[in-house]
């Protein structure tokens, strides 16, 4: 796997909350990422798009809004990007995707 999420799962109260996770690049290539949610009504993610340096890591925040308890997931898609790419959305608009990691998200 070229990319990991730390911690590998998230738990929230149904009433809401905030958690910080890290996207870890295990490769020697610069990676772009895009975070997708199975439940856009109750979850917000910042940032949705971004870059991770070779062998580096970057943080992202998950915000859980008040709503019924259930199990959801975040999907972090990734693709190799050139060092001079400045727009993190561009590779995904062009259809690039090398892989994805699923982050289980549970509210209780």
PDB file of N, CA and C in Angstrom:
ATOM      1  N   UNK A   1       0.846  -1.181   0.000  1.00  0.00           N
ATOM      2  CA  UNK A   1       0.000   0.000   0.000  1.00  0.00           C
ATOM      3  C   UNK A   1       0.888   1.240   0.000  1.00  0.00           C
ATOM      4  N   UNK A   2       0.538   2.205  -0.812  1.00  0.00           N
ATOM      5  CA  UNK A   2       1.341   3.422  -0.933  1.00  0.00           C
ATOM      6  C   UNK A   2       0.971   4.480   0.090  1.00  0.00           C
ATOM      7  N   UNK A   3      -0.224   4.329   0.662  1.00  0.00           N
ATOM      8  CA  UNK A   3      -0.733   5.374   1.536  1.00  0.00           C
ATOM      9  C   UNK A   3      -1.463   4.744   2.716  1.00  0.00           C
ATOM     10  N   UNK A   4      -1.280   5.297   3.902  1.00  0.00           N
ATOM     11  CA  UNK A   4      -1.959   4.828   5.109  1.00  0.00           C
ATOM     12  C   UNK A   4      -2.700   5.982   5.762  1.00  0.00           C
ATOM     13  N   UNK A   5      -3.720   5.644   6.546  1.00  0.00           N
ATOM     14  CA  UNK A   5      -4.423   6.628   7.355  1.00  0.00           C
ATOM     15  C   UNK A   5      -4.159   6.279   8.819  1.00  0.00           C
ATOM     16  N   UNK A   6      -3.780   7.267   9.611  1.00  0.00           N
ATOM     17  CA  UNK A   6      -3.525   7.068  11.035  1.00  0.00           C
ATOM     18  C   UNK A   6      -4.356   8.055  11.837  1.00  0.00           C
ATOM     19  N   UNK A   7      -5.106   7.627  12.832  1.00  0.00           N
ATOM     20  CA  UNK A   7      -5.464   6.244  13.112  1.00  0.00           C
ATOM     21  C   UNK A   7      -6.341   5.661  12.005  1.00  0.00           C
ATOM     22  N   UNK A   8      -6.460   4.330  11.981  1.00  0.00           N
ATOM     23  CA  UNK A   8      -7.082   3.615  10.870  1.00  0.00           C
ATOM     24  C   UNK A   8      -8.608   3.566  10.930  1.00  0.00           C
ATOM     25  N   UNK A   9      -9.209   4.153  11.965  1.00  0.00           N
ATOM     26  CA  UNK A   9     -10.669   4.229  12.053  1.00  0.00           C
ATOM     27  C   UNK A   9     -11.022   5.443  12.904  1.00  0.00           C
ATOM     28  N   UNK A  10     -12.313   5.818  12.884  1.00  0.00           N
ATOM     29  CA  UNK A  10     -12.758   6.978  13.656  1.00  0.00           C
ATOM     30  C   UNK A  10     -14.077   6.658  14.338  1.00  0.00           C
ATOM     31  N   UNK A  11     -14.219   7.143  15.581  1.00  0.00           N
ATOM     32  CA  UNK A  11     -15.468   6.990  16.329  1.00  0.00           C
ATOM     33  C   UNK A  11     -15.915   8.357  16.812  1.00  0.00           C
ATOM     34  N   UNK A  12     -17.215   8.598  16.704  1.00  0.00           N
ATOM     35  CA  UNK A  12     -17.792   9.855  17.140  1.00  0.00           C
ATOM     36  C   UNK A  12     -19.056   9.602  17.933  1.00  0.00           C
ATOM     37  N   UNK A  13     -19.434  10.556  18.769  1.00  0.00           N
ATOM     38  CA  UNK A  13     -20.757  10.539  19.384  1.00  0.00           C
ATOM     39  C   UNK A  13     -21.751  10.931  18.294  1.00  0.00           C
ATOM     40  N   UNK A  14     -22.955  10.411  18.362  1.00  0.00           N
ATOM     41  CA  UNK A  14     -23.975  10.766  17.376  1.00  0.00           C
ATOM     42  C   UNK A  14     -24.270  12.263  17.406  1.00  0.00           C
ATOM     43  N   UNK A  15     -24.001  12.894  18.542  1.00  0.00           N
ATOM     44  CA  UNK A  15     -24.241  14.334  18.667  1.00  0.00           C
ATOM     45  C   UNK A  15     -23.183  15.167  17.961  1.00  0.00           C
ATOM     46  N   UNK A  16     -22.091  14.544  17.518  1.00  0.00           N
ATOM     47  CA  UNK A  16     -21.068  15.257  16.762  1.00  0.00           C
ATOM     48  C   UNK A  16     -19.714  15.249  17.430  1.00  0.00           C
ATOM     49  N   UNK A  17     -18.729  15.790  16.725  1.00  0.00           N
ATOM     50  CA  UNK A  17     -17.375  15.859  17.249  1.00  0.00           C
ATOM     51  C   UNK A  17     -16.380  16.138  16.142  1.00  0.00           C
ATOM     52  N   UNK A  18     -15.119  16.234  16.534  1.00  0.00           N
ATOM     53  CA  UNK A  18     -14.039  16.526  15.593  1.00  0.00           C
ATOM     54  C   UNK A  18     -12.886  15.561  15.874  1.00  0.00           C
ATOM     55  N   UNK A  19     -12.256  15.067  14.815  1.00  0.00           N
ATOM     56  CA  UNK A  19     -11.084  14.200  14.954  1.00  0.00           C
ATOM     57  C   UNK A  19     -10.053  14.585  13.905  1.00  0.00           C
ATOM     58  N   UNK A  20      -8.795  14.474  14.262  1.00  0.00           N
ATOM     59  CA  UNK A  20      -7.705  14.731  13.325  1.00  0.00           C
ATOM     60  C   UNK A  20      -7.039  13.408  12.984  1.00  0.00           C
ATOM     61  N   UNK A  21      -6.836  13.179  11.700  1.00  0.00           N
ATOM     62  CA  UNK A  21      -6.163  11.981  11.210  1.00  0.00           C
ATOM     63  C   UNK A  21      -5.015  12.412  10.312  1.00  0.00           C
ATOM     64  N   UNK A  22      -4.125  11.470  10.016  1.00  0.00           N
ATOM     65  CA  UNK A  22      -2.969  11.760   9.168  1.00  0.00           C
ATOM     66  C   UNK A  22      -2.979  10.833   7.953  1.00  0.00           C
ATOM     67  N   UNK A  23      -2.660  11.421   6.809  1.00  0.00           N
ATOM     68  CA  UNK A  23      -2.452  10.646   5.591  1.00  0.00           C
ATOM     69  C   UNK A  23      -0.946  10.487   5.467  1.00  0.00           C
ATOM     70  N   UNK A  24      -0.477   9.238   5.453  1.00  0.00           N
ATOM     71  CA  UNK A  24       0.952   8.938   5.449  1.00  0.00           C
ATOM     72  C   UNK A  24       1.344   8.365   4.092  1.00  0.00           C
ATOM     73  N   UNK A  25       2.298   9.003   3.449  1.00  0.00           N
ATOM     74  CA  UNK A  25       2.813   8.562   2.150  1.00  0.00           C
ATOM     75  C   UNK A  25       3.982   7.607   2.394  1.00  0.00           C
ATOM     76  N   UNK A  26       3.821   6.352   1.987  1.00  0.00           N
ATOM     77  CA  UNK A  26       4.861   5.336   2.193  1.00  0.00           C
ATOM     78  C   UNK A  26       5.781   5.182   0.992  1.00  0.00           C
ATOM     79  N   UNK A  27       5.626   6.050  -0.012  1.00  0.00           N
ATOM     80  CA  UNK A  27       6.398   5.925  -1.249  1.00  0.00           C
ATOM     81  C   UNK A  27       7.440   7.029  -1.367  1.00  0.00           C
ATOM     82  N   UNK A  28       8.231   6.932  -2.427  1.00  0.00           N
ATOM     83  CA  UNK A  28       9.200   7.976  -2.756  1.00  0.00           C
ATOM     84  C   UNK A  28       8.650   8.925  -3.803  1.00  0.00           C
ATOM     85  N   UNK A  29       7.334   8.889  -4.036  1.00  0.00           N
ATOM     86  CA  UNK A  29       6.669   9.749  -5.011  1.00  0.00           C
ATOM     87  C   UNK A  29       5.750  10.740  -4.293  1.00  0.00           C
ATOM     88  N   UNK A  30       5.596  11.905  -4.874  1.00  0.00           N
ATOM     89  CA  UNK A  30       4.628  12.872  -4.348  1.00  0.00           C
ATOM     90  C   UNK A  30       3.235  12.377  -4.712  1.00  0.00           C
ATOM     91  N   UNK A  31       2.323  12.390  -3.744  1.00  0.00           N
ATOM     92  CA  UNK A  31       0.965  11.911  -3.986  1.00  0.00           C
ATOM     93  C   UNK A  31      -0.046  13.029  -3.784  1.00  0.00           C
ATOM     94  N   UNK A  32      -1.072  13.002  -4.627  1.00  0.00           N
ATOM     95  CA  UNK A  32      -2.230  13.856  -4.427  1.00  0.00           C
ATOM     96  C   UNK A  32      -3.323  13.005  -3.824  1.00  0.00           C
ATOM     97  N   UNK A  33      -4.205  13.608  -3.017  1.00  0.00           N
ATOM     98  CA  UNK A  33      -5.298  12.838  -2.431  1.00  0.00           C
ATOM     99  C   UNK A  33      -6.620  13.576  -2.546  1.00  0.00           C
ATOM    100  N   UNK A  34      -7.683  12.783  -2.485  1.00  0.00           N
ATOM    101  CA  UNK A  34      -9.057  13.282  -2.482  1.00  0.00           C
ATOM    102  C   UNK A  34      -9.819  12.446  -1.467  1.00  0.00           C
ATOM    103  N   UNK A  35     -10.564  13.096  -0.564  1.00  0.00           N
ATOM    104  CA  UNK A  35     -11.323  12.391   0.460  1.00  0.00           C
ATOM    105  C   UNK A  35     -12.805  12.436   0.090  1.00  0.00           C
ATOM    106  N   UNK A  36     -13.425  11.260   0.026  1.00  0.00           N
ATOM    107  CA  UNK A  36     -14.849  11.148  -0.272  1.00  0.00           C
ATOM    108  C   UNK A  36     -15.546  10.520   0.927  1.00  0.00           C
ATOM    109  N   UNK A  37     -16.805  10.912   1.146  1.00  0.00           N
ATOM    110  CA  UNK A  37     -17.561  10.411   2.285  1.00  0.00           C
ATOM    111  C   UNK A  37     -18.800   9.667   1.815  1.00  0.00           C
ATOM    112  N   UNK A  38     -19.156   8.611   2.543  1.00  0.00           N
ATOM    113  CA  UNK A  38     -20.394   7.892   2.246  1.00  0.00           C
ATOM    114  C   UNK A  38     -21.596   8.616   2.845  1.00  0.00           C
ATOM    115  N   UNK A  39     -21.344   9.673   3.645  1.00  0.00           N
ATOM    116  CA  UNK A  39     -22.425  10.386   4.315  1.00  0.00           C
ATOM    117  C   UNK A  39     -22.088  11.878   4.385  1.00  0.00           C
ATOM    118  N   UNK A  40     -22.353  12.593   3.290  1.00  0.00           N
ATOM    119  CA  UNK A  40     -22.053  14.028   3.257  1.00  0.00           C
ATOM    120  C   UNK A  40     -23.007  14.857   4.111  1.00  0.00           C
ATOM    121  N   UNK A  41     -24.100  14.251   4.550  1.00  0.00           N
ATOM    122  CA  UNK A  41     -25.059  14.973   5.383  1.00  0.00           C
ATOM    123  C   UNK A  41     -24.517  15.182   6.795  1.00  0.00           C
ATOM    124  N   UNK A  42     -23.746  14.223   7.303  1.00  0.00           N
ATOM    125  CA  UNK A  42     -23.284  14.303   8.686  1.00  0.00           C
ATOM    126  C   UNK A  42     -21.778  14.491   8.847  1.00  0.00           C
ATOM    127  N   UNK A  43     -21.007  14.415   7.757  1.00  0.00           N
ATOM    128  CA  UNK A  43     -19.553  14.554   7.866  1.00  0.00           C
ATOM    129  C   UNK A  43     -19.030  15.658   6.968  1.00  0.00           C
ATOM    130  N   UNK A  44     -18.047  16.372   7.483  1.00  0.00           N
ATOM    131  CA  UNK A  44     -17.295  17.364   6.725  1.00  0.00           C
ATOM    132  C   UNK A  44     -15.819  17.013   6.890  1.00  0.00           C
ATOM    133  N   UNK A  45     -15.050  17.211   5.843  1.00  0.00           N
ATOM    134  CA  UNK A  45     -13.614  16.907   5.876  1.00  0.00           C
ATOM    135  C   UNK A  45     -12.855  18.133   5.386  1.00  0.00           C
ATOM    136  N   UNK A  46     -11.762  18.474   6.089  1.00  0.00           N
ATOM    137  CA  UNK A  46     -10.898  19.580   5.672  1.00  0.00           C
ATOM    138  C   UNK A  46      -9.455  19.129   5.742  1.00  0.00           C
ATOM    139  N   UNK A  47      -8.679  19.197   4.696  1.00  0.00           N
ATOM    140  CA  UNK A  47      -9.073  19.528   3.334  1.00  0.00           C
ATOM    141  C   UNK A  47      -9.628  18.288   2.614  1.00  0.00           C
ATOM    142  N   UNK A  48     -10.373  18.523   1.550  1.00  0.00           N
ATOM    143  CA  UNK A  48     -10.889  17.427   0.728  1.00  0.00           C
ATOM    144  C   UNK A  48      -9.808  16.972  -0.252  1.00  0.00           C
ATOM    145  N   UNK A  49      -9.032  17.916  -0.764  1.00  0.00           N
ATOM    146  CA  UNK A  49      -7.938  17.632  -1.704  1.00  0.00           C
ATOM    147  C   UNK A  49      -6.630  18.124  -1.108  1.00  0.00           C
ATOM    148  N   UNK A  50      -5.521  17.468  -1.462  1.00  0.00           N
ATOM    149  CA  UNK A  50      -4.226  17.933  -0.999  1.00  0.00           C
ATOM    150  C   UNK A  50      -3.097  17.087  -1.540  1.00  0.00           C
ATOM    151  N   UNK A  51      -1.901  17.403  -1.087  1.00  0.00           N
ATOM    152  CA  UNK A  51      -0.694  16.685  -1.486  1.00  0.00           C
ATOM    153  C   UNK A  51       0.010  16.121  -0.252  1.00  0.00           C
ATOM    154  N   UNK A  52       0.741  15.025  -0.456  1.00  0.00           N
ATOM    155  CA  UNK A  52       1.588  14.456   0.587  1.00  0.00           C
ATOM    156  C   UNK A  52       2.977  14.254  -0.021  1.00  0.00           C
ATOM    157  N   UNK A  53       3.977  14.824   0.632  1.00  0.00           N
ATOM    158  CA  UNK A  53       5.354  14.715   0.155  1.00  0.00           C
ATOM    159  C   UNK A  53       5.834  13.264   0.229  1.00  0.00           C
ATOM    160  N   UNK A  54       6.845  12.916  -0.581  1.00  0.00           N
ATOM    161  CA  UNK A  54       7.405  11.569  -0.493  1.00  0.00           C
ATOM    162  C   UNK A  54       7.837  11.249   0.938  1.00  0.00           C
ATOM    163  N   UNK A  55       7.422  10.087   1.446  1.00  0.00           N
ATOM    164  CA  UNK A  55       7.729   9.640   2.809  1.00  0.00           C
ATOM    165  C   UNK A  55       7.215  10.611   3.874  1.00  0.00           C
ATOM    166  N   UNK A  56       6.263  11.471   3.498  1.00  0.00           N
ATOM    167  CA  UNK A  56       5.755  12.476   4.432  1.00  0.00           C
ATOM    168  C   UNK A  56       4.355  12.154   4.912  1.00  0.00           C
ATOM    169  N   UNK A  57       3.809  13.077   5.688  1.00  0.00           N
ATOM    170  CA  UNK A  57       2.425  12.917   6.122  1.00  0.00           C
ATOM    171  C   UNK A  57       1.783  14.290   6.235  1.00  0.00           C
ATOM    172  N   UNK A  58       0.469  14.291   6.129  1.00  0.00           N
ATOM    173  CA  UNK A  58      -0.303  15.520   6.262  1.00  0.00           C
ATOM    174  C   UNK A  58      -1.559  15.229   7.067  1.00  0.00           C
ATOM    175  N   UNK A  59      -2.053  16.222   7.753  1.00  0.00           N
ATOM    176  CA  UNK A  59      -3.226  16.059   8.604  1.00  0.00           C
ATOM    177  C   UNK A  59      -4.499  16.428   7.858  1.00  0.00           C
ATOM    178  N   UNK A  60      -5.603  15.796   8.246  1.00  0.00           N
ATOM    179  CA  UNK A  60      -6.914  16.247   7.801  1.00  0.00           C
ATOM    180  C   UNK A  60      -7.888  16.097   8.955  1.00  0.00           C
ATOM    181  N   UNK A  61      -8.913  16.929   8.932  1.00  0.00           N
ATOM    182  CA  UNK A  61      -9.862  16.989  10.031  1.00  0.00           C
ATOM    183  C   UNK A  61     -11.209  16.433   9.588  1.00  0.00           C
ATOM    184  N   UNK A  62     -11.800  15.610  10.443  1.00  0.00           N
ATOM    185  CA  UNK A  62     -13.133  15.072  10.196  1.00  0.00           C
ATOM    186  C   UNK A  62     -14.070  15.724  11.207  1.00  0.00           C
ATOM    187  N   UNK A  63     -15.134  16.329  10.704  1.00  0.00           N
ATOM    188  CA  UNK A  63     -16.125  16.960  11.562  1.00  0.00           C
ATOM    189  C   UNK A  63     -17.422  16.163  11.445  1.00  0.00           C
ATOM    190  N   UNK A  64     -17.935  15.692  12.566  1.00  0.00           N
ATOM    191  CA  UNK A  64     -19.196  14.932  12.598  1.00  0.00           C
ATOM    192  C   UNK A  64     -20.273  15.860  13.117  1.00  0.00           C
ATOM    193  N   UNK A  65     -21.325  16.046  12.319  1.00  0.00           N
ATOM    194  CA  UNK A  65     -22.456  16.861  12.731  1.00  0.00           C
ATOM    195  C   UNK A  65     -23.468  15.988  13.467  1.00  0.00           C
ATOM    196  N   UNK A  66     -24.370  16.607  14.197  1.00  0.00           N
ATOM    197  CA  UNK A  66     -25.392  15.886  14.935  1.00  0.00           C
ATOM    198  C   UNK A  66     -26.292  15.096  13.977  1.00  0.00           C
ATOM    199  N   UNK A  67     -26.533  13.840  14.307  1.00  0.00           N
ATOM    200  CA  UNK A  67     -27.397  13.011  13.467  1.00  0.00           C
ATOM    201  C   UNK A  67     -27.499  11.618  14.039  1.00  0.00           C
ATOM    202  N   UNK A  68     -28.295  10.771  13.421  1.00  0.00           N
ATOM    203  CA  UNK A  68     -28.481   9.415  13.940  1.00  0.00           C
ATOM    204  C   UNK A  68     -27.179   8.607  13.909  1.00  0.00           C
ATOM    205  N   UNK A  69     -27.024   7.729  14.906  1.00  0.00           N
ATOM    206  CA  UNK A  69     -25.845   6.869  14.987  1.00  0.00           C
ATOM    207  C   UNK A  69     -25.872   5.865  13.844  1.00  0.00           C
ATOM    208  N   UNK A  70     -24.736   5.689  13.177  1.00  0.00           N
ATOM    209  CA  UNK A  70     -24.618   4.692  12.122  1.00  0.00           C
ATOM    210  C   UNK A  70     -23.166   4.524  11.721  1.00  0.00           C
ATOM    211  N   UNK A  71     -22.921   3.518  10.899  1.00  0.00           N
ATOM    212  CA  UNK A  71     -21.572   3.280  10.392  1.00  0.00           C
ATOM    213  C   UNK A  71     -21.464   3.860   8.996  1.00  0.00           C
ATOM    214  N   UNK A  72     -20.389   4.576   8.759  1.00  0.00           N
ATOM    215  CA  UNK A  72     -20.116   5.184   7.462  1.00  0.00           C
ATOM    216  C   UNK A  72     -18.662   4.897   7.107  1.00  0.00           C
ATOM    217  N   UNK A  73     -18.202   5.530   6.039  1.00  0.00           N
ATOM    218  CA  UNK A  73     -16.791   5.390   5.679  1.00  0.00           C
ATOM    219  C   UNK A  73     -16.334   6.614   4.909  1.00  0.00           C
ATOM    220  N   UNK A  74     -15.040   6.866   5.023  1.00  0.00           N
ATOM    221  CA  UNK A  74     -14.380   7.850   4.187  1.00  0.00           C
ATOM    222  C   UNK A  74     -13.455   7.070   3.263  1.00  0.00           C
ATOM    223  N   UNK A  75     -13.421   7.484   2.010  1.00  0.00           N
ATOM    224  CA  UNK A  75     -12.537   6.860   1.033  1.00  0.00           C
ATOM    225  C   UNK A  75     -11.499   7.901   0.641  1.00  0.00           C
ATOM    226  N   UNK A  76     -10.229   7.581   0.859  1.00  0.00           N
ATOM    227  CA  UNK A  76      -9.141   8.473   0.469  1.00  0.00           C
ATOM    228  C   UNK A  76      -8.531   7.913  -0.809  1.00  0.00           C
ATOM    229  N   UNK A  77      -8.785   8.609  -1.916  1.00  0.00           N
ATOM    230  CA  UNK A  77      -8.206   8.214  -3.204  1.00  0.00           C
ATOM    231  C   UNK A  77      -6.863   8.917  -3.353  1.00  0.00           C
ATOM    232  N   UNK A  78      -5.935   8.251  -4.022  1.00  0.00           N
ATOM    233  CA  UNK A  78      -4.626   8.864  -4.213  1.00  0.00           C
ATOM    234  C   UNK A  78      -4.109   8.597  -5.617  1.00  0.00           C
ATOM    235  N   UNK A  79      -3.196   9.465  -6.046  1.00  0.00           N
ATOM    236  CA  UNK A  79      -2.549   9.331  -7.348  1.00  0.00           C
ATOM    237  C   UNK A  79      -1.179   9.999  -7.272  1.00  0.00           C
ATOM    238  N   UNK A  80      -0.232   9.467  -8.021  1.00  0.00           N
ATOM    239  CA  UNK A  80       1.078  10.112  -8.106  1.00  0.00           C
ATOM    240  C   UNK A  80       0.923  11.409  -8.883  1.00  0.00           C
ATOM    241  N   UNK A  81       1.583  12.459  -8.402  1.00  0.00           N
ATOM    242  CA  UNK A  81       1.510  13.759  -9.072  1.00  0.00           C
ATOM    243  C   UNK A  81       2.915  14.315  -9.248  1.00  0.00           C
ATOM    244  N   UNK A  82       3.124  15.099 -10.316  1.00  0.00           N
ATOM    245  CA  UNK A  82       4.449  15.695 -10.525  1.00  0.00           C
ATOM    246  C   UNK A  82       4.756  16.758  -9.466  1.00  0.00           C
ATOM    247  N   UNK A  83       6.022  16.988  -9.242  1.00  0.00           N
ATOM    248  CA  UNK A  83       6.467  17.941  -8.221  1.00  0.00           C
ATOM    249  C   UNK A  83       5.983  19.357  -8.508  1.00  0.00           C
ATOM    250  N   UNK A  84       5.726  19.682  -9.778  1.00  0.00           N
ATOM    251  CA  UNK A  84       5.319  21.044 -10.120  1.00  0.00           C
ATOM    252  C   UNK A  84       3.802  21.245 -10.136  1.00  0.00           C
ATOM    253  N   UNK A  85       3.035  20.196  -9.847  1.00  0.00           N
ATOM    254  CA  UNK A  85       1.566  20.341  -9.806  1.00  0.00           C
ATOM    255  C   UNK A  85       1.174  21.212  -8.622  1.00  0.00           C
ATOM    256  N   UNK A  86       0.362  22.246  -8.879  1.00  0.00           N
ATOM    257  CA  UNK A  86      -0.043  23.161  -7.818  1.00  0.00           C
ATOM    258  C   UNK A  86      -1.507  23.024  -7.432  1.00  0.00           C
ATOM    259  N   UNK A  87      -2.333  22.432  -8.302  1.00  0.00           N
ATOM    260  CA  UNK A  87      -3.763  22.294  -8.041  1.00  0.00           C
ATOM    261  C   UNK A  87      -4.065  20.859  -7.618  1.00  0.00           C
ATOM    262  N   UNK A  88      -4.392  20.628  -6.339  1.00  0.00           N
ATOM    263  CA  UNK A  88      -4.621  19.254  -5.886  1.00  0.00           C
ATOM    264  C   UNK A  88      -5.846  18.590  -6.517  1.00  0.00           C
ATOM    265  N   UNK A  89      -6.773  19.384  -7.089  1.00  0.00           N
ATOM    266  CA  UNK A  89      -7.947  18.812  -7.739  1.00  0.00           C
ATOM    267  C   UNK A  89      -7.647  18.347  -9.159  1.00  0.00           C
ATOM    268  N   UNK A  90      -6.652  18.943  -9.804  1.00  0.00           N
ATOM    269  CA  UNK A  90      -6.388  18.702 -11.222  1.00  0.00           C
ATOM    270  C   UNK A  90      -6.208  17.225 -11.589  1.00  0.00           C
ATOM    271  N   UNK A  91      -5.395  16.449 -10.862  1.00  0.00           N
ATOM    272  CA  UNK A  91      -5.226  15.047 -11.257  1.00  0.00           C
ATOM    273  C   UNK A  91      -6.536  14.259 -11.230  1.00  0.00           C
ATOM    274  N   UNK A  92      -7.404  14.584 -10.283  1.00  0.00           N
ATOM    275  CA  UNK A  92      -8.664  13.843 -10.150  1.00  0.00           C
ATOM    276  C   UNK A  92      -9.687  14.288 -11.192  1.00  0.00           C
ATOM    277  N   UNK A  93      -9.651  15.585 -11.565  1.00  0.00           N
ATOM    278  CA  UNK A  93     -10.507  16.059 -12.645  1.00  0.00           C
ATOM    279  C   UNK A  93     -10.115  15.397 -13.958  1.00  0.00           C
ATOM    280  N   UNK A  94      -8.819  15.068 -14.081  1.00  0.00           N
ATOM    281  CA  UNK A  94      -8.314  14.415 -15.294  1.00  0.00           C
ATOM    282  C   UNK A  94      -8.509  12.905 -15.251  1.00  0.00           C
ATOM    283  N   UNK A  95      -9.089  12.397 -14.161  1.00  0.00           N
ATOM    284  CA  UNK A  95      -9.376  10.968 -14.057  1.00  0.00           C
ATOM    285  C   UNK A  95      -8.274  10.134 -13.451  1.00  0.00           C
ATOM    286  N   UNK A  96      -7.252  10.771 -12.883  1.00  0.00           N
ATOM    287  CA  UNK A  96      -6.153  10.016 -12.272  1.00  0.00           C
ATOM    288  C   UNK A  96      -6.595   9.414 -10.945  1.00  0.00           C
ATOM    289  N   UNK A  97      -6.263   8.168 -10.752  1.00  0.00           N
ATOM    290  CA  UNK A  97      -6.442   7.520  -9.449  1.00  0.00           C
ATOM    291  C   UNK A  97      -5.631   6.236  -9.477  1.00  0.00           C
ATOM    292  N   UNK A  98      -4.672   6.132  -8.550  1.00  0.00           N
ATOM    293  CA  UNK A  98      -3.836   4.937  -8.497  1.00  0.00           C
ATOM    294  C   UNK A  98      -4.365   3.943  -7.479  1.00  0.00           C
ATOM    295  N   UNK A  99      -5.066   4.436  -6.459  1.00  0.00           N
ATOM    296  CA  UNK A  99      -5.570   3.546  -5.430  1.00  0.00           C
ATOM    297  C   UNK A  99      -6.416   4.290  -4.435  1.00  0.00           C
ATOM    298  N   UNK A 100      -6.887   3.551  -3.430  1.00  0.00           N
ATOM    299  CA  UNK A 100      -7.694   4.171  -2.393  1.00  0.00           C
ATOM    300  C   UNK A 100      -7.553   3.406  -1.090  1.00  0.00           C
ATOM    301  N   UNK A 101      -7.806   4.112  -0.001  1.00  0.00           N
ATOM    302  CA  UNK A 101      -7.786   3.545   1.339  1.00  0.00           C
ATOM    303  C   UNK A 101      -9.128   3.889   1.977  1.00  0.00           C
ATOM    304  N   UNK A 102      -9.735   2.910   2.653  1.00  0.00           N
ATOM    305  CA  UNK A 102     -11.031   3.128   3.302  1.00  0.00           C
ATOM    306  C   UNK A 102     -10.828   3.338   4.794  1.00  0.00           C
ATOM    307  N   UNK A 103     -11.417   4.405   5.308  1.00  0.00           N
ATOM    308  CA  UNK A 103     -11.371   4.718   6.733  1.00  0.00           C
ATOM    309  C   UNK A 103     -12.765   4.489   7.307  1.00  0.00           C
ATOM    310  N   UNK A 104     -12.965   3.417   8.094  1.00  0.00           N
ATOM    311  CA  UNK A 104     -14.273   3.200   8.710  1.00  0.00           C
ATOM    312  C   UNK A 104     -14.577   4.297   9.728  1.00  0.00           C
ATOM    313  N   UNK A 105     -15.806   4.795   9.686  1.00  0.00           N
ATOM    314  CA  UNK A 105     -16.228   5.869  10.582  1.00  0.00           C
ATOM    315  C   UNK A 105     -17.521   5.422  11.257  1.00  0.00           C
ATOM    316  N   UNK A 106     -17.539   5.482  12.583  1.00  0.00           N
ATOM    317  CA  UNK A 106     -18.700   5.001  13.334  1.00  0.00           C
ATOM    318  C   UNK A 106     -19.167   6.059  14.307  1.00  0.00           C
ATOM    319  N   UNK A 107     -20.471   6.228  14.397  1.00  0.00           N
ATOM    320  CA  UNK A 107     -21.032   7.130  15.405  1.00  0.00           C
ATOM    321  C   UNK A 107     -21.921   6.302  16.335  1.00  0.00           C
ATOM    322  N   UNK A 108     -21.888   6.659  17.620  1.00  0.00           N
ATOM    323  CA  UNK A 108     -22.652   5.902  18.623  1.00  0.00           C
ATOM    324  C   UNK A 108     -23.483   6.844  19.471  1.00  0.00           C
TER     325      UNK A 108
END
